[in-house]
Protein backbone atom coordinates (compact mmCIF):
# COMPACT_ATOMS: atom_id res chain seq x y z
CA MET A 1 74.78 141.56 54.65
CA GLN A 2 76.98 139.58 57.02
CA SER A 3 75.70 139.37 60.56
CA TYR A 4 78.56 137.26 61.89
CA ARG A 5 82.22 137.03 60.91
CA HIS A 6 84.98 135.38 62.90
CA LYS A 7 88.55 134.69 61.89
CA GLN A 8 90.56 132.09 63.81
CA THR A 9 94.32 132.15 63.39
CA GLY A 10 95.80 128.71 62.85
CA THR A 11 98.28 128.92 65.71
CA ALA A 12 98.74 125.15 65.98
CA LEU A 13 99.20 124.76 62.25
CA LEU A 14 101.71 127.62 62.08
CA ILE A 15 103.74 126.14 64.97
CA ILE A 16 103.82 122.77 63.19
CA MET A 17 104.92 124.42 59.94
CA LEU A 18 107.64 126.45 61.69
CA SER A 19 108.91 123.34 63.48
CA SER A 20 108.90 121.43 60.20
CA ALA A 21 110.84 124.22 58.51
CA CYS A 22 113.51 124.14 61.24
CA ILE A 23 113.88 120.36 60.97
CA LEU A 24 113.98 120.63 57.19
CA ILE A 25 116.75 123.23 57.29
CA ILE A 26 118.84 121.02 59.54
CA ALA A 27 118.15 117.84 57.55
CA THR A 28 118.81 119.33 54.11
CA TYR A 29 121.51 121.86 54.94
CA ASP A 30 123.88 120.44 52.30
CA MET A 31 121.15 120.18 49.65
CA VAL A 32 120.29 123.82 49.03
CA GLN A 33 117.96 123.22 46.08
CA VAL A 34 115.93 120.58 47.91
CA MET A 35 115.78 122.80 50.98
CA ASN A 36 114.58 125.83 49.01
CA ILE A 37 111.86 123.91 47.19
CA SER A 38 110.69 122.26 50.41
CA LEU A 39 110.65 125.56 52.31
CA ALA A 40 108.68 127.17 49.47
CA ILE A 41 106.07 124.41 49.70
CA LEU A 42 105.84 124.85 53.49
CA ALA A 43 105.46 128.61 53.04
CA VAL A 44 102.62 128.20 50.54
CA VAL A 45 100.79 125.69 52.76
CA SER A 46 101.27 128.00 55.76
CA ILE A 47 99.79 130.95 53.89
CA LEU A 48 96.85 128.96 52.53
CA PHE A 49 95.95 127.44 55.90
CA SER A 50 97.02 130.28 58.24
CA SER A 51 93.46 131.03 59.33
CA LEU A 52 89.85 129.94 59.04
CA THR A 53 87.18 132.59 58.58
CA VAL A 54 83.53 131.73 59.18
CA TYR A 55 80.78 134.13 58.23
CA LEU A 56 77.03 134.04 58.36
CA ASP A 57 74.71 136.10 56.20
CA GLU A 58 70.96 136.11 55.68
CA ASP A 59 70.75 132.77 53.89
CA ALA A 60 74.03 130.86 54.25
CA ILE A 61 76.97 129.98 56.45
CA SER A 62 80.29 130.18 54.63
CA TRP A 63 83.93 129.56 55.48
CA HIS A 64 87.34 129.74 53.88
CA PHE A 65 90.97 129.17 54.72
CA GLY A 66 93.67 131.85 54.61
CA ILE A 67 93.39 134.08 51.56
CA LYS A 68 89.97 132.74 50.51
CA PHE A 69 91.40 129.32 49.76
CA TRP A 70 88.95 126.42 49.70
CA HIS A 71 85.75 128.42 50.10
CA ARG A 72 82.61 126.51 51.08
CA SER A 73 79.08 127.46 52.05
CA ILE A 74 75.80 125.85 53.02
CA LYS A 75 72.40 127.46 52.62
CA LEU A 76 70.69 127.79 56.00
CA ASN A 77 67.53 126.11 54.69
CA GLN A 78 69.66 123.01 53.99
CA ILE A 79 70.72 122.67 57.65
CA ALA A 80 68.63 120.37 59.84
CA SER A 81 70.63 120.82 63.06
CA ALA A 82 73.71 122.48 64.51
CA LYS A 83 75.60 121.68 67.68
CA ILE A 84 78.93 122.30 69.38
CA ILE A 85 81.29 119.32 69.36
CA THR A 86 84.77 118.57 70.61
CA THR A 87 86.93 117.00 67.92
CA LYS A 88 89.59 114.38 68.61
CA TRP A 89 93.22 115.54 68.48
CA TYR A 90 94.05 112.79 66.00
CA TYR A 91 91.54 114.17 63.46
CA GLY A 92 94.32 116.62 62.62
CA LEU A 93 94.23 120.08 61.07
CA GLY A 94 93.16 121.36 57.68
CA ILE A 95 90.53 119.52 55.65
CA ARG A 96 89.82 115.97 56.82
CA LEU A 97 87.19 113.31 56.34
CA THR A 98 86.37 112.08 59.86
CA PRO A 99 83.64 109.98 61.47
CA VAL A 100 81.86 113.32 62.02
CA GLY A 101 81.96 114.04 58.29
CA TRP A 102 84.14 116.65 56.62
CA LEU A 103 86.10 118.67 59.17
CA TYR A 104 87.60 122.08 58.40
CA THR A 105 89.92 123.32 61.16
CA VAL A 106 93.14 125.23 61.79
CA SER A 107 93.57 125.09 65.56
CA GLY A 108 91.97 123.75 68.72
CA ASN A 109 89.37 121.06 69.18
CA GLN A 110 86.08 122.98 69.22
CA ALA A 111 83.81 122.84 66.19
CA ILE A 112 80.25 123.32 65.06
CA GLU A 113 78.71 120.20 63.59
CA LEU A 114 76.11 120.96 60.93
CA THR A 115 73.78 118.18 59.85
CA LYS A 116 72.17 118.86 56.50
CA VAL A 117 68.63 117.81 55.64
CA ASN A 118 70.09 115.04 53.44
CA GLY A 119 71.94 113.60 56.48
CA GLU A 120 75.42 114.78 55.44
CA ARG A 121 77.47 116.20 58.32
CA VAL A 122 80.11 118.92 58.21
CA ALA A 123 82.18 120.24 61.12
CA ILE A 124 83.71 123.71 61.11
CA GLY A 125 86.45 124.39 63.65
CA THR A 126 86.18 127.60 65.63
CA ASN A 127 87.34 129.16 68.88
CA ASP A 128 83.96 130.96 69.11
CA ALA A 129 81.60 127.98 69.03
CA SER A 130 79.01 129.47 71.40
CA GLY A 131 78.93 132.77 69.48
CA LEU A 132 78.43 130.99 66.17
CA ILE A 133 75.71 128.71 67.57
CA ALA A 134 73.91 131.74 69.02
CA GLN A 135 73.95 133.46 65.63
CA LEU A 136 72.76 130.30 63.86
CA ASN A 137 69.92 129.89 66.35
CA LYS A 138 68.78 133.46 65.67
CA ARG A 139 68.27 132.44 62.04
CA HIS A 140 66.75 128.98 62.38
CA ILE A 141 64.61 128.15 65.44
CA ASP A 142 64.39 124.44 64.55
CA PHE A 143 68.09 123.74 65.23
CA ASN A 144 68.65 121.03 67.82
CA THR A 145 71.60 122.46 69.74
């Protein structure tokens, strides 16, 4: 049973993709085949990374991009701490390896940093960081927020 579910639309990513498509159309106007292939690639990437959904159930936190692309989860008993962080703009969007650890984000600069018991860190971008932290704290009273 899911107790928390939040979907963040990747507004920033979609704006970047739309801008890229416009530039691509102008730059490759005379090369129809190149333009069509490039626009198809941009469309696929836009669909796959159009949103990030985070959900919390009884024993795990899970997240996925778009249409359940790149699904990940962590068992709650494997999490040592959770806290709200502000990511740097230059960390980018999508899936990135950063100094924070793996970052999964589609828009904005707020994220939840999860530190696993083995020391590995993962950051999940969200525009509902306080709501997610509150739900995590209900499940695990040892979190250092």
